Amino acid sequence: LTDVRAARQAMNENRAEQGEWLQRLPDGTQILSHMTSQDRGQRSLHLAFRNDESPQRNQSSLAATLQRDGLALERENKLQGAARVVYFRGPGKEGMATISPAADGKTVVVLNTITRMETR
């Protein structure tokens, strides 16, 4: 019974975090995948989403959002066409996002971050 309660609590926390992300991302964003984990003193986030904004607009929006979380844009690697990989870094944190246009005209973003947890 304890495992069921823990699973339900984790699902509720995941939904709440998805809602927070949707408030921070451009209007009309659809979350495709959202996973978090904690292991060995690190918290990992995987977030995939899509929307109607351009790759550049998504990059700017994501950079501003992550800046508020203490992650600054470190560098950008342009890929084929408008696709790009952007890297973020902050104290005890790092992240990488792949931003690419989809065939249907939308933009798909896959964000991965790692935050080192403080241990006492």
PDB file of N, CA and C in Angstrom:
ATOM      1  N   LEU A   1       0.810  -1.196   0.000  1.00  0.00           N
ATOM      2  CA  LEU A   1       0.000   0.000   0.000  1.00  0.00           C
ATOM      3  C   LEU A   1       0.858   1.267   0.000  1.00  0.00           C
ATOM      4  N   THR A   2       1.984   1.186   0.675  1.00  0.00           N
ATOM      5  CA  THR A   2       2.890   2.337   0.716  1.00  0.00           C
ATOM      6  C   THR A   2       3.395   2.668  -0.678  1.00  0.00           C
ATOM      7  N   ASP A   3       3.720   1.660  -1.491  1.00  0.00           N
ATOM      8  CA  ASP A   3       4.214   1.891  -2.846  1.00  0.00           C
ATOM      9  C   ASP A   3       3.159   2.571  -3.714  1.00  0.00           C
ATOM     10  N   VAL A   4       1.892   2.218  -3.522  1.00  0.00           N
ATOM     11  CA  VAL A   4       0.809   2.834  -4.283  1.00  0.00           C
ATOM     12  C   VAL A   4       0.700   4.310  -3.903  1.00  0.00           C
ATOM     13  N   ARG A   5       0.783   4.595  -2.621  1.00  0.00           N
ATOM     14  CA  ARG A   5       0.742   5.993  -2.172  1.00  0.00           C
ATOM     15  C   ARG A   5       1.915   6.782  -2.735  1.00  0.00           C
ATOM     16  N   ALA A   6       3.098   6.204  -2.685  1.00  0.00           N
ATOM     17  CA  ALA A   6       4.294   6.877  -3.212  1.00  0.00           C
ATOM     18  C   ALA A   6       4.166   7.106  -4.712  1.00  0.00           C
ATOM     19  N   ALA A   7       3.643   6.128  -5.425  1.00  0.00           N
ATOM     20  CA  ALA A   7       3.459   6.273  -6.875  1.00  0.00           C
ATOM     21  C   ALA A   7       2.444   7.367  -7.184  1.00  0.00           C
ATOM     22  N   ARG A   8       1.356   7.410  -6.432  1.00  0.00           N
ATOM     23  CA  ARG A   8       0.338   8.442  -6.633  1.00  0.00           C
ATOM     24  C   ARG A   8       0.916   9.825  -6.334  1.00  0.00           C
ATOM     25  N   GLN A   9       1.699   9.922  -5.277  1.00  0.00           N
ATOM     26  CA  GLN A   9       2.309  11.208  -4.931  1.00  0.00           C
ATOM     27  C   GLN A   9       3.287  11.637  -6.032  1.00  0.00           C
ATOM     28  N   ALA A  10       4.074  10.706  -6.541  1.00  0.00           N
ATOM     29  CA  ALA A  10       5.022  11.031  -7.625  1.00  0.00           C
ATOM     30  C   ALA A  10       4.273  11.482  -8.875  1.00  0.00           C
ATOM     31  N   MET A  11       3.157  10.843  -9.190  1.00  0.00           N
ATOM     32  CA  MET A  11       2.366  11.249 -10.355  1.00  0.00           C
ATOM     33  C   MET A  11       1.812  12.656 -10.173  1.00  0.00           C
ATOM     34  N   ASN A  12       1.341  12.967  -8.976  1.00  0.00           N
ATOM     35  CA  ASN A  12       0.812  14.300  -8.700  1.00  0.00           C
ATOM     36  C   ASN A  12       1.911  15.356  -8.791  1.00  0.00           C
ATOM     37  N   GLU A  13       3.088  15.036  -8.279  1.00  0.00           N
ATOM     38  CA  GLU A  13       4.218  15.962  -8.369  1.00  0.00           C
ATOM     39  C   GLU A  13       4.619  16.179  -9.822  1.00  0.00           C
ATOM     40  N   ASN A  14       4.601  15.118 -10.614  1.00  0.00           N
ATOM     41  CA  ASN A  14       4.952  15.219 -12.029  1.00  0.00           C
ATOM     42  C   ASN A  14       3.955  16.109 -12.767  1.00  0.00           C
ATOM     43  N   ARG A  15       2.670  15.924 -12.499  1.00  0.00           N
ATOM     44  CA  ARG A  15       1.643  16.763 -13.130  1.00  0.00           C
ATOM     45  C   ARG A  15       1.813  18.227 -12.749  1.00  0.00           C
ATOM     46  N   ALA A  16       2.111  18.462 -11.475  1.00  0.00           N
ATOM     47  CA  ALA A  16       2.298  19.846 -11.007  1.00  0.00           C
ATOM     48  C   ALA A  16       3.504  20.478 -11.693  1.00  0.00           C
ATOM     49  N   GLU A  17       4.590  19.726 -11.817  1.00  0.00           N
ATOM     50  CA  GLU A  17       5.781  20.265 -12.481  1.00  0.00           C
ATOM     51  C   GLU A  17       5.518  20.520 -13.957  1.00  0.00           C
ATOM     52  N   GLN A  18       4.759  19.639 -14.605  1.00  0.00           N
ATOM     53  CA  GLN A  18       4.397  19.876 -16.009  1.00  0.00           C
ATOM     54  C   GLN A  18       3.590  21.161 -16.143  1.00  0.00           C
ATOM     55  N   GLY A  19       2.657  21.379 -15.219  1.00  0.00           N
ATOM     56  CA  GLY A  19       1.867  22.605 -15.237  1.00  0.00           C
ATOM     57  C   GLY A  19       2.736  23.843 -15.079  1.00  0.00           C
ATOM     58  N   GLU A  20       3.726  23.755 -14.201  1.00  0.00           N
ATOM     59  CA  GLU A  20       4.656  24.876 -14.018  1.00  0.00           C
ATOM     60  C   GLU A  20       5.435  25.150 -15.301  1.00  0.00           C
ATOM     61  N   TRP A  21       5.887  24.085 -15.968  1.00  0.00           N
ATOM     62  CA  TRP A  21       6.610  24.273 -17.229  1.00  0.00           C
ATOM     63  C   TRP A  21       5.709  24.900 -18.283  1.00  0.00           C
ATOM     64  N   LEU A  22       4.472  24.445 -18.384  1.00  0.00           N
ATOM     65  CA  LEU A  22       3.557  25.003 -19.379  1.00  0.00           C
ATOM     66  C   LEU A  22       3.321  26.491 -19.160  1.00  0.00           C
ATOM     67  N   GLN A  23       3.325  26.935 -17.914  1.00  0.00           N
ATOM     68  CA  GLN A  23       3.158  28.359 -17.627  1.00  0.00           C
ATOM     69  C   GLN A  23       4.382  29.162 -18.051  1.00  0.00           C
ATOM     70  N   ARG A  24       5.540  28.525 -18.086  1.00  0.00           N
ATOM     71  CA  ARG A  24       6.788  29.212 -18.375  1.00  0.00           C
ATOM     72  C   ARG A  24       7.167  29.178 -19.858  1.00  0.00           C
ATOM     73  N   LEU A  25       6.569  28.279 -20.603  1.00  0.00           N
ATOM     74  CA  LEU A  25       6.894  28.113 -22.024  1.00  0.00           C
ATOM     75  C   LEU A  25       5.902  28.900 -22.879  1.00  0.00           C
ATOM     76  N   PRO A  26       6.220  29.100 -24.173  1.00  0.00           N
ATOM     77  CA  PRO A  26       5.308  29.865 -25.039  1.00  0.00           C
ATOM     78  C   PRO A  26       3.894  29.268 -25.065  1.00  0.00           C
ATOM     79  N   ASP A  27       2.906  30.139 -25.238  1.00  0.00           N
ATOM     80  CA  ASP A  27       1.513  29.695 -25.333  1.00  0.00           C
ATOM     81  C   ASP A  27       1.366  28.642 -26.427  1.00  0.00           C
ATOM     82  N   GLY A  28       0.519  27.681 -26.189  1.00  0.00           N
ATOM     83  CA  GLY A  28       0.261  26.638 -27.177  1.00  0.00           C
ATOM     84  C   GLY A  28       1.258  25.489 -27.131  1.00  0.00           C
ATOM     85  N   THR A  29       2.166  25.501 -26.160  1.00  0.00           N
ATOM     86  CA  THR A  29       3.160  24.426 -26.050  1.00  0.00           C
ATOM     87  C   THR A  29       2.488  23.136 -25.595  1.00  0.00           C
ATOM     88  N   GLN A  30       2.902  22.046 -26.219  1.00  0.00           N
ATOM     89  CA  GLN A  30       2.419  20.712 -25.864  1.00  0.00           C
ATOM     90  C   GLN A  30       3.606  19.920 -25.325  1.00  0.00           C
ATOM     91  N   ILE A  31       3.490  19.401 -24.118  1.00  0.00           N
ATOM     92  CA  ILE A  31       4.552  18.566 -23.563  1.00  0.00           C
ATOM     93  C   ILE A  31       4.420  17.164 -24.128  1.00  0.00           C
ATOM     94  N   LEU A  32       5.504  16.683 -24.702  1.00  0.00           N
ATOM     95  CA  LEU A  32       5.533  15.349 -25.293  1.00  0.00           C
ATOM     96  C   LEU A  32       6.059  14.310 -24.308  1.00  0.00           C
ATOM     97  N   SER A  33       7.003  14.721 -23.481  1.00  0.00           N
ATOM     98  CA  SER A  33       7.622  13.809 -22.519  1.00  0.00           C
ATOM     99  C   SER A  33       8.179  14.623 -21.366  1.00  0.00           C
ATOM    100  N   HIS A  34       8.024  14.111 -20.163  1.00  0.00           N
ATOM    101  CA  HIS A  34       8.550  14.783 -18.971  1.00  0.00           C
ATOM    102  C   HIS A  34       8.951  13.709 -17.974  1.00  0.00           C
ATOM    103  N   MET A  35      10.233  13.661 -17.651  1.00  0.00           N
ATOM    104  CA  MET A  35      10.730  12.685 -16.684  1.00  0.00           C
ATOM    105  C   MET A  35      11.742  13.364 -15.775  1.00  0.00           C
ATOM    106  N   THR A  36      11.713  12.986 -14.517  1.00  0.00           N
ATOM    107  CA  THR A  36      12.723  13.440 -13.570  1.00  0.00           C
ATOM    108  C   THR A  36      13.235  12.231 -12.806  1.00  0.00           C
ATOM    109  N   SER A  37      14.455  12.361 -12.311  1.00  0.00           N
ATOM    110  CA  SER A  37      15.007  11.312 -11.461  1.00  0.00           C
ATOM    111  C   SER A  37      16.010  11.932 -10.502  1.00  0.00           C
ATOM    112  N   GLN A  38      16.200  11.260  -9.389  1.00  0.00           N
ATOM    113  CA  GLN A  38      17.217  11.654  -8.429  1.00  0.00           C
ATOM    114  C   GLN A  38      18.061  10.437  -8.142  1.00  0.00           C
ATOM    115  N   ASP A  39      19.383  10.613  -8.292  1.00  0.00           N
ATOM    116  CA  ASP A  39      20.279   9.493  -8.082  1.00  0.00           C
ATOM    117  C   ASP A  39      21.677  10.031  -7.816  1.00  0.00           C
ATOM    118  N   ARG A  40      22.328   9.466  -6.834  1.00  0.00           N
ATOM    119  CA  ARG A  40      23.723   9.812  -6.528  1.00  0.00           C
ATOM    120  C   ARG A  40      23.947  11.313  -6.378  1.00  0.00           C
ATOM    121  N   GLY A  41      23.039  11.954  -5.685  1.00  0.00           N
ATOM    122  CA  GLY A  41      23.210  13.371  -5.417  1.00  0.00           C
ATOM    123  C   GLY A  41      22.926  14.295  -6.589  1.00  0.00           C
ATOM    124  N   GLN A  42      22.239  13.787  -7.605  1.00  0.00           N
ATOM    125  CA  GLN A  42      21.898  14.609  -8.766  1.00  0.00           C
ATOM    126  C   GLN A  42      20.420  14.462  -9.094  1.00  0.00           C
ATOM    127  N   ARG A  43      19.841  15.568  -9.545  1.00  0.00           N
ATOM    128  CA  ARG A  43      18.461  15.542 -10.038  1.00  0.00           C
ATOM    129  C   ARG A  43      18.521  15.778 -11.536  1.00  0.00           C
ATOM    130  N   SER A  44      17.928  14.887 -12.291  1.00  0.00           N
ATOM    131  CA  SER A  44      17.915  14.985 -13.751  1.00  0.00           C
ATOM    132  C   SER A  44      16.504  15.306 -14.229  1.00  0.00           C
ATOM    133  N   LEU A  45      16.446  16.113 -15.278  1.00  0.00           N
ATOM    134  CA  LEU A  45      15.177  16.452 -15.909  1.00  0.00           C
ATOM    135  C   LEU A  45      15.296  16.177 -17.399  1.00  0.00           C
ATOM    136  N   HIS A  46      14.297  15.529 -17.947  1.00  0.00           N
ATOM    137  CA  HIS A  46      14.156  15.352 -19.395  1.00  0.00           C
ATOM    138  C   HIS A  46      12.788  15.922 -19.740  1.00  0.00           C
ATOM    139  N   LEU A  47      12.766  16.907 -20.642  1.00  0.00           N
ATOM    140  CA  LEU A  47      11.513  17.539 -21.040  1.00  0.00           C
ATOM    141  C   LEU A  47      11.520  17.697 -22.555  1.00  0.00           C
ATOM    142  N   ALA A  48      10.531  17.130 -23.214  1.00  0.00           N
ATOM    143  CA  ALA A  48      10.373  17.291 -24.663  1.00  0.00           C
ATOM    144  C   ALA A  48       9.036  17.982 -24.902  1.00  0.00           C
ATOM    145  N   PHE A  49       9.065  19.005 -25.747  1.00  0.00           N
ATOM    146  CA  PHE A  49       7.840  19.730 -26.043  1.00  0.00           C
ATOM    147  C   PHE A  49       7.860  20.251 -27.469  1.00  0.00           C
ATOM    148  N   ARG A  50       6.673  20.677 -27.935  1.00  0.00           N
ATOM    149  CA  ARG A  50       6.545  21.226 -29.282  1.00  0.00           C
ATOM    150  C   ARG A  50       5.565  22.385 -29.253  1.00  0.00           C
ATOM    151  N   ASN A  51       5.748  23.295 -30.204  1.00  0.00           N
ATOM    152  CA  ASN A  51       4.827  24.419 -30.312  1.00  0.00           C
ATOM    153  C   ASN A  51       4.959  25.050 -31.696  1.00  0.00           C
ATOM    154  N   ASP A  52       4.201  26.108 -31.915  1.00  0.00           N
ATOM    155  CA  ASP A  52       4.177  26.781 -33.221  1.00  0.00           C
ATOM    156  C   ASP A  52       5.238  27.858 -33.379  1.00  0.00           C
ATOM    157  N   GLU A  53       6.026  28.117 -32.335  1.00  0.00           N
ATOM    158  CA  GLU A  53       7.037  29.169 -32.396  1.00  0.00           C
ATOM    159  C   GLU A  53       8.252  28.710 -33.208  1.00  0.00           C
ATOM    160  N   SER A  54       9.022  29.662 -33.706  1.00  0.00           N
ATOM    161  CA  SER A  54      10.226  29.348 -34.479  1.00  0.00           C
ATOM    162  C   SER A  54      11.313  28.783 -33.564  1.00  0.00           C
ATOM    163  N   PRO A  55      12.298  28.090 -34.140  1.00  0.00           N
ATOM    164  CA  PRO A  55      13.420  27.623 -33.327  1.00  0.00           C
ATOM    165  C   PRO A  55      14.109  28.773 -32.576  1.00  0.00           C
ATOM    166  N   GLN A  56      14.309  29.907 -33.231  1.00  0.00           N
ATOM    167  CA  GLN A  56      14.962  31.039 -32.570  1.00  0.00           C
ATOM    168  C   GLN A  56      14.125  31.556 -31.400  1.00  0.00           C
ATOM    169  N   ARG A  57      12.813  31.651 -31.593  1.00  0.00           N
ATOM    170  CA  ARG A  57      11.933  32.121 -30.509  1.00  0.00           C
ATOM    171  C   ARG A  57      11.952  31.143 -29.352  1.00  0.00           C
ATOM    172  N   ASN A  58      11.964  29.844 -29.647  1.00  0.00           N
ATOM    173  CA  ASN A  58      12.040  28.844 -28.589  1.00  0.00           C
ATOM    174  C   ASN A  58      13.364  28.937 -27.843  1.00  0.00           C
ATOM    175  N   GLN A  59      14.435  29.152 -28.562  1.00  0.00           N
ATOM    176  CA  GLN A  59      15.736  29.289 -27.912  1.00  0.00           C
ATOM    177  C   GLN A  59      15.740  30.492 -26.975  1.00  0.00           C
ATOM    178  N   SER A  60      15.245  31.621 -27.440  1.00  0.00           N
ATOM    179  CA  SER A  60      15.205  32.829 -26.616  1.00  0.00           C
ATOM    180  C   SER A  60      14.329  32.630 -25.374  1.00  0.00           C
ATOM    181  N   SER A  61      13.169  32.033 -25.570  1.00  0.00           N
ATOM    182  CA  SER A  61      12.253  31.792 -24.465  1.00  0.00           C
ATOM    183  C   SER A  61      12.859  30.822 -23.451  1.00  0.00           C
ATOM    184  N   LEU A  62      13.458  29.752 -23.946  1.00  0.00           N
ATOM    185  CA  LEU A  62      14.061  28.762 -23.061  1.00  0.00           C
ATOM    186  C   LEU A  62      15.246  29.365 -22.313  1.00  0.00           C
ATOM    187  N   ALA A  63      16.059  30.154 -22.992  1.00  0.00           N
ATOM    188  CA  ALA A  63      17.208  30.794 -22.339  1.00  0.00           C
ATOM    189  C   ALA A  63      16.739  31.709 -21.208  1.00  0.00           C
ATOM    190  N   ALA A  64      15.681  32.477 -21.431  1.00  0.00           N
ATOM    191  CA  ALA A  64      15.157  33.368 -20.394  1.00  0.00           C
ATOM    192  C   ALA A  64      14.596  32.566 -19.220  1.00  0.00           C
ATOM    193  N   THR A  65      13.899  31.487 -19.527  1.00  0.00           N
ATOM    194  CA  THR A  65      13.331  30.639 -18.481  1.00  0.00           C
ATOM    195  C   THR A  65      14.425  29.998 -17.643  1.00  0.00           C
ATOM    196  N   LEU A  66      15.432  29.443 -18.301  1.00  0.00           N
ATOM    197  CA  LEU A  66      16.514  28.780 -17.569  1.00  0.00           C
ATOM    198  C   LEU A  66      17.381  29.779 -16.824  1.00  0.00           C
ATOM    199  N   GLN A  67      17.499  30.993 -17.344  1.00  0.00           N
ATOM    200  CA  GLN A  67      18.257  32.038 -16.649  1.00  0.00           C
ATOM    201  C   GLN A  67      17.647  32.292 -15.266  1.00  0.00           C
ATOM    202  N   ARG A  68      16.330  32.289 -15.196  1.00  0.00           N
ATOM    203  CA  ARG A  68      15.651  32.479 -13.910  1.00  0.00           C
ATOM    204  C   ARG A  68      15.937  31.322 -12.954  1.00  0.00           C
ATOM    205  N   ASP A  69      16.294  30.160 -13.513  1.00  0.00           N
ATOM    206  CA  ASP A  69      16.644  28.989 -12.698  1.00  0.00           C
ATOM    207  C   ASP A  69      18.136  28.908 -12.412  1.00  0.00           C
ATOM    208  N   GLY A  70      18.885  29.923 -12.840  1.00  0.00           N
ATOM    209  CA  GLY A  70      20.324  29.942 -12.576  1.00  0.00           C
ATOM    210  C   GLY A  70      21.178  29.287 -13.637  1.00  0.00           C
ATOM    211  N   LEU A  71      20.616  29.022 -14.805  1.00  0.00           N
ATOM    212  CA  LEU A  71      21.368  28.433 -15.917  1.00  0.00           C
ATOM    213  C   LEU A  71      21.527  29.471 -17.026  1.00  0.00           C
ATOM    214  N   ALA A  72      22.749  29.832 -17.326  1.00  0.00           N
ATOM    215  CA  ALA A  72      23.018  30.821 -18.370  1.00  0.00           C
ATOM    216  C   ALA A  72      23.395  30.115 -19.667  1.00  0.00           C
ATOM    217  N   LEU A  73      23.013  30.721 -20.771  1.00  0.00           N
ATOM    218  CA  LEU A  73      23.385  30.193 -22.078  1.00  0.00           C
ATOM    219  C   LEU A  73      24.903  30.216 -22.187  1.00  0.00           C
ATOM    220  N   GLU A  74      25.484  29.063 -22.478  1.00  0.00           N
ATOM    221  CA  GLU A  74      26.939  28.945 -22.572  1.00  0.00           C
ATOM    222  C   GLU A  74      27.411  28.991 -24.023  1.00  0.00           C
ATOM    223  N   ARG A  75      26.762  28.196 -24.866  1.00  0.00           N
ATOM    224  CA  ARG A  75      27.134  28.192 -26.279  1.00  0.00           C
ATOM    225  C   ARG A  75      26.033  27.546 -27.104  1.00  0.00           C
ATOM    226  N   GLU A  76      26.153  27.732 -28.409  1.00  0.00           N
ATOM    227  CA  GLU A  76      25.166  27.207 -29.346  1.00  0.00           C
ATOM    228  C   GLU A  76      25.910  26.565 -30.509  1.00  0.00           C
ATOM    229  N   ASN A  77      25.455  25.419 -30.916  1.00  0.00           N
ATOM    230  CA  ASN A  77      25.974  24.754 -32.113  1.00  0.00           C
ATOM    231  C   ASN A  77      24.839  24.659 -33.118  1.00  0.00           C
ATOM    232  N   LYS A  78      25.010  25.312 -34.250  1.00  0.00           N
ATOM    233  CA  LYS A  78      23.991  25.223 -35.304  1.00  0.00           C
ATOM    234  C   LYS A  78      24.168  23.900 -36.029  1.00  0.00           C
ATOM    235  N   LEU A  79      23.043  23.304 -36.330  1.00  0.00           N
ATOM    236  CA  LEU A  79      23.031  22.048 -37.070  1.00  0.00           C
ATOM    237  C   LEU A  79      22.488  22.334 -38.463  1.00  0.00           C
ATOM    238  N   GLN A  80      22.049  21.331 -39.137  1.00  0.00           N
ATOM    239  CA  GLN A  80      21.511  21.510 -40.479  1.00  0.00           C
ATOM    240  C   GLN A  80      20.226  22.330 -40.436  1.00  0.00           C
ATOM    241  N   GLY A  81      20.083  23.262 -41.361  1.00  0.00           N
ATOM    242  CA  GLY A  81      18.882  24.099 -41.408  1.00  0.00           C
ATOM    243  C   GLY A  81      18.791  24.987 -40.181  1.00  0.00           C
ATOM    244  N   ALA A  82      17.620  25.056 -39.594  1.00  0.00           N
ATOM    245  CA  ALA A  82      17.403  25.909 -38.415  1.00  0.00           C
ATOM    246  C   ALA A  82      17.623  25.156 -37.101  1.00  0.00           C
ATOM    247  N   ALA A  83      17.981  23.883 -37.177  1.00  0.00           N
ATOM    248  CA  ALA A  83      18.189  23.087 -35.964  1.00  0.00           C
ATOM    249  C   ALA A  83      19.443  23.554 -35.235  1.00  0.00           C
ATOM    250  N   ARG A  84      19.420  23.384 -33.931  1.00  0.00           N
ATOM    251  CA  ARG A  84      20.555  23.804 -33.118  1.00  0.00           C
ATOM    252  C   ARG A  84      20.587  23.026 -31.801  1.00  0.00           C
ATOM    253  N   VAL A  85      21.757  22.989 -31.202  1.00  0.00           N
ATOM    254  CA  VAL A  85      21.935  22.454 -29.852  1.00  0.00           C
ATOM    255  C   VAL A  85      22.480  23.596 -29.020  1.00  0.00           C
ATOM    256  N   VAL A  86      21.845  23.859 -27.890  1.00  0.00           N
ATOM    257  CA  VAL A  86      22.291  24.938 -27.013  1.00  0.00           C
ATOM    258  C   VAL A  86      22.651  24.355 -25.651  1.00  0.00           C
ATOM    259  N   TYR A  87      23.689  24.930 -25.071  1.00  0.00           N
ATOM    260  CA  TYR A  87      24.222  24.451 -23.802  1.00  0.00           C
ATOM    261  C   TYR A  87      24.090  25.542 -22.748  1.00  0.00           C
ATOM    262  N   PHE A  88      23.730  25.128 -21.536  1.00  0.00           N
ATOM    263  CA  PHE A  88      23.532  26.044 -20.425  1.00  0.00           C
ATOM    264  C   PHE A  88      24.370  25.568 -19.249  1.00  0.00           C
ATOM    265  N   ARG A  89      24.806  26.523 -18.426  1.00  0.00           N
ATOM    266  CA  ARG A  89      25.582  26.164 -17.245  1.00  0.00           C
ATOM    267  C   ARG A  89      25.309  27.174 -16.140  1.00  0.00           C
ATOM    268  N   GLY A  90      25.333  26.684 -14.925  1.00  0.00           N
ATOM    269  CA  GLY A  90      25.197  27.523 -13.746  1.00  0.00           C
ATOM    270  C   GLY A  90      25.851  26.826 -12.572  1.00  0.00           C
ATOM    271  N   PRO A  91      25.904  27.473 -11.428  1.00  0.00           N
ATOM    272  CA  PRO A  91      26.517  26.849 -10.262  1.00  0.00           C
ATOM    273  C   PRO A  91      25.810  25.547  -9.891  1.00  0.00           C
ATOM    274  N   GLY A  92      26.521  24.444 -10.020  1.00  0.00           N
ATOM    275  CA  GLY A  92      25.957  23.142  -9.686  1.00  0.00           C
ATOM    276  C   GLY A  92      24.923  22.625 -10.661  1.00  0.00           C
ATOM    277  N   LYS A  93      24.836  23.253 -11.852  1.00  0.00           N
ATOM    278  CA  LYS A  93      23.813  22.874 -12.827  1.00  0.00           C
ATOM    279  C   LYS A  93      24.382  22.902 -14.228  1.00  0.00           C
ATOM    280  N   GLU A  94      23.816  22.095 -15.080  1.00  0.00           N
ATOM    281  CA  GLU A  94      24.120  22.177 -16.505  1.00  0.00           C
ATOM    282  C   GLU A  94      22.940  21.645 -17.298  1.00  0.00           C
ATOM    283  N   GLY A  95      22.846  22.083 -18.539  1.00  0.00           N
ATOM    284  CA  GLY A  95      21.735  21.652 -19.369  1.00  0.00           C
ATOM    285  C   GLY A  95      22.085  21.699 -20.844  1.00  0.00           C
ATOM    286  N   MET A  96      21.313  20.982 -21.609  1.00  0.00           N
ATOM    287  CA  MET A  96      21.479  20.939 -23.062  1.00  0.00           C
ATOM    288  C   MET A  96      20.095  20.817 -23.685  1.00  0.00           C
ATOM    289  N   ALA A  97      19.866  21.582 -24.743  1.00  0.00           N
ATOM    290  CA  ALA A  97      18.584  21.500 -25.445  1.00  0.00           C
ATOM    291  C   ALA A  97      18.845  21.344 -26.939  1.00  0.00           C
ATOM    292  N   THR A  98      18.119  20.446 -27.542  1.00  0.00           N
ATOM    293  CA  THR A  98      18.118  20.301 -28.992  1.00  0.00           C
ATOM    294  C   THR A  98      16.824  20.938 -29.480  1.00  0.00           C
ATOM    295  N   ILE A  99      16.953  21.873 -30.412  1.00  0.00           N
ATOM    296  CA  ILE A  99      15.803  22.616 -30.925  1.00  0.00           C
ATOM    297  C   ILE A  99      15.773  22.423 -32.424  1.00  0.00           C
ATOM    298  N   SER A 100      14.679  21.889 -32.933  1.00  0.00           N
ATOM    299  CA  SER A 100      14.639  21.648 -34.376  1.00  0.00           C
ATOM    300  C   SER A 100      13.227  21.807 -34.937  1.00  0.00           C
ATOM    301  N   PRO A 101      13.164  22.311 -36.163  1.00  0.00           N
ATOM    302  CA  PRO A 101      11.860  22.416 -36.817  1.00  0.00           C
ATOM    303  C   PRO A 101      11.377  21.026 -37.229  1.00  0.00           C
ATOM    304  N   ALA A 102      10.080  20.828 -37.101  1.00  0.00           N
ATOM    305  CA  ALA A 102       9.475  19.560 -37.522  1.00  0.00           C
ATOM    306  C   ALA A 102       8.871  19.739 -38.912  1.00  0.00           C
ATOM    307  N   ALA A 103       8.594  18.643 -39.569  1.00  0.00           N
ATOM    308  CA  ALA A 103       8.050  18.671 -40.932  1.00  0.00           C
ATOM    309  C   ALA A 103       6.685  19.362 -40.996  1.00  0.00           C
ATOM    310  N   ASP A 104       5.949  19.367 -39.872  1.00  0.00           N
ATOM    311  CA  ASP A 104       4.615  19.978 -39.863  1.00  0.00           C
ATOM    312  C   ASP A 104       4.641  21.478 -39.559  1.00  0.00           C
ATOM    313  N   GLY A 105       5.842  22.066 -39.512  1.00  0.00           N
ATOM    314  CA  GLY A 105       5.968  23.491 -39.271  1.00  0.00           C
ATOM    315  C   GLY A 105       6.111  23.867 -37.804  1.00  0.00           C
ATOM    316  N   LYS A 106       5.933  22.913 -36.933  1.00  0.00           N
ATOM    317  CA  LYS A 106       6.115  23.181 -35.509  1.00  0.00           C
ATOM    318  C   LYS A 106       7.596  23.057 -35.159  1.00  0.00           C
ATOM    319  N   THR A 107       7.948  23.429 -33.946  1.00  0.00           N
ATOM    320  CA  THR A 107       9.311  23.271 -33.456  1.00  0.00           C
ATOM    321  C   THR A 107       9.285  22.287 -32.301  1.00  0.00           C
ATOM    322  N   VAL A 108      10.261  21.380 -32.276  1.00  0.00           N
ATOM    323  CA  VAL A 108      10.388  20.398 -31.211  1.00  0.00           C
ATOM    324  C   VAL A 108      11.640  20.730 -30.408  1.00  0.00           C
ATOM    325  N   VAL A 109      11.490  20.733 -29.081  1.00  0.00           N
ATOM    326  CA  VAL A 109      12.606  21.016 -28.175  1.00  0.00           C
ATOM    327  C   VAL A 109      12.750  19.841 -27.216  1.00  0.00           C
ATOM    328  N   VAL A 110      13.976  19.367 -27.054  1.00  0.00           N
ATOM    329  CA  VAL A 110      14.277  18.333 -26.064  1.00  0.00           C
ATOM    330  C   VAL A 110      15.311  18.922 -25.114  1.00  0.00           C
ATOM    331  N   LEU A 111      14.918  19.072 -23.854  1.00  0.00           N
ATOM    332  CA  LEU A 111      15.770  19.678 -22.832  1.00  0.00           C
ATOM    333  C   LEU A 111      16.174  18.626 -21.818  1.00  0.00           C
ATOM    334  N   ASN A 112      17.457  18.602 -21.487  1.00  0.00           N
ATOM    335  CA  ASN A 112      17.975  17.747 -20.422  1.00  0.00           C
ATOM    336  C   ASN A 112      18.791  18.614 -19.482  1.00  0.00           C
ATOM    337  N   THR A 113      18.507  18.522 -18.197  1.00  0.00           N
ATOM    338  CA  THR A 113      19.301  19.250 -17.204  1.00  0.00           C
ATOM    339  C   THR A 113      19.718  18.308 -16.088  1.00  0.00           C
ATOM    340  N   ILE A 114      20.822  18.666 -15.461  1.00  0.00           N
ATOM    341  CA  ILE A 114      21.307  17.946 -14.279  1.00  0.00           C
ATOM    342  C   ILE A 114      21.627  19.007 -13.230  1.00  0.00           C
ATOM    343  N   THR A 115      21.115  18.801 -12.036  1.00  0.00           N
ATOM    344  CA  THR A 115      21.394  19.677 -10.910  1.00  0.00           C
ATOM    345  C   THR A 115      22.010  18.836  -9.802  1.00  0.00           C
ATOM    346  N   ARG A 116      23.172  19.229  -9.342  1.00  0.00           N
ATOM    347  CA  ARG A 116      23.807  18.522  -8.244  1.00  0.00           C
ATOM    348  C   ARG A 116      23.121  18.952  -6.943  1.00  0.00           C
ATOM    349  N   MET A 117      22.726  17.970  -6.164  1.00  0.00           N
ATOM    350  CA  MET A 117      22.043  18.227  -4.903  1.00  0.00           C
ATOM    351  C   MET A 117      23.081  18.462  -3.816  1.00  0.00           C
ATOM    352  N   GLU A 118      22.779  19.384  -2.933  1.00  0.00           N
ATOM    353  CA  GLU A 118      23.689  19.644  -1.823  1.00  0.00           C
ATOM    354  C   GLU A 118      23.554  18.521  -0.803  1.00  0.00           C
ATOM    355  N   THR A 119      24.690  18.068  -0.322  1.00  0.00           N
ATOM    356  CA  THR A 119      24.690  17.051   0.735  1.00  0.00           C
ATOM    357  C   THR A 119      25.288  17.652   1.988  1.00  0.00           C
ATOM    358  N   ARG A 120      24.786  17.219   3.086  1.00  0.00           N
ATOM    359  CA  ARG A 120      25.277  17.768   4.366  1.00  0.00           C
ATOM    360  C   ARG A 120      25.884  16.678   5.191  1.00  0.00           C
TER     361      ARG A 120
END
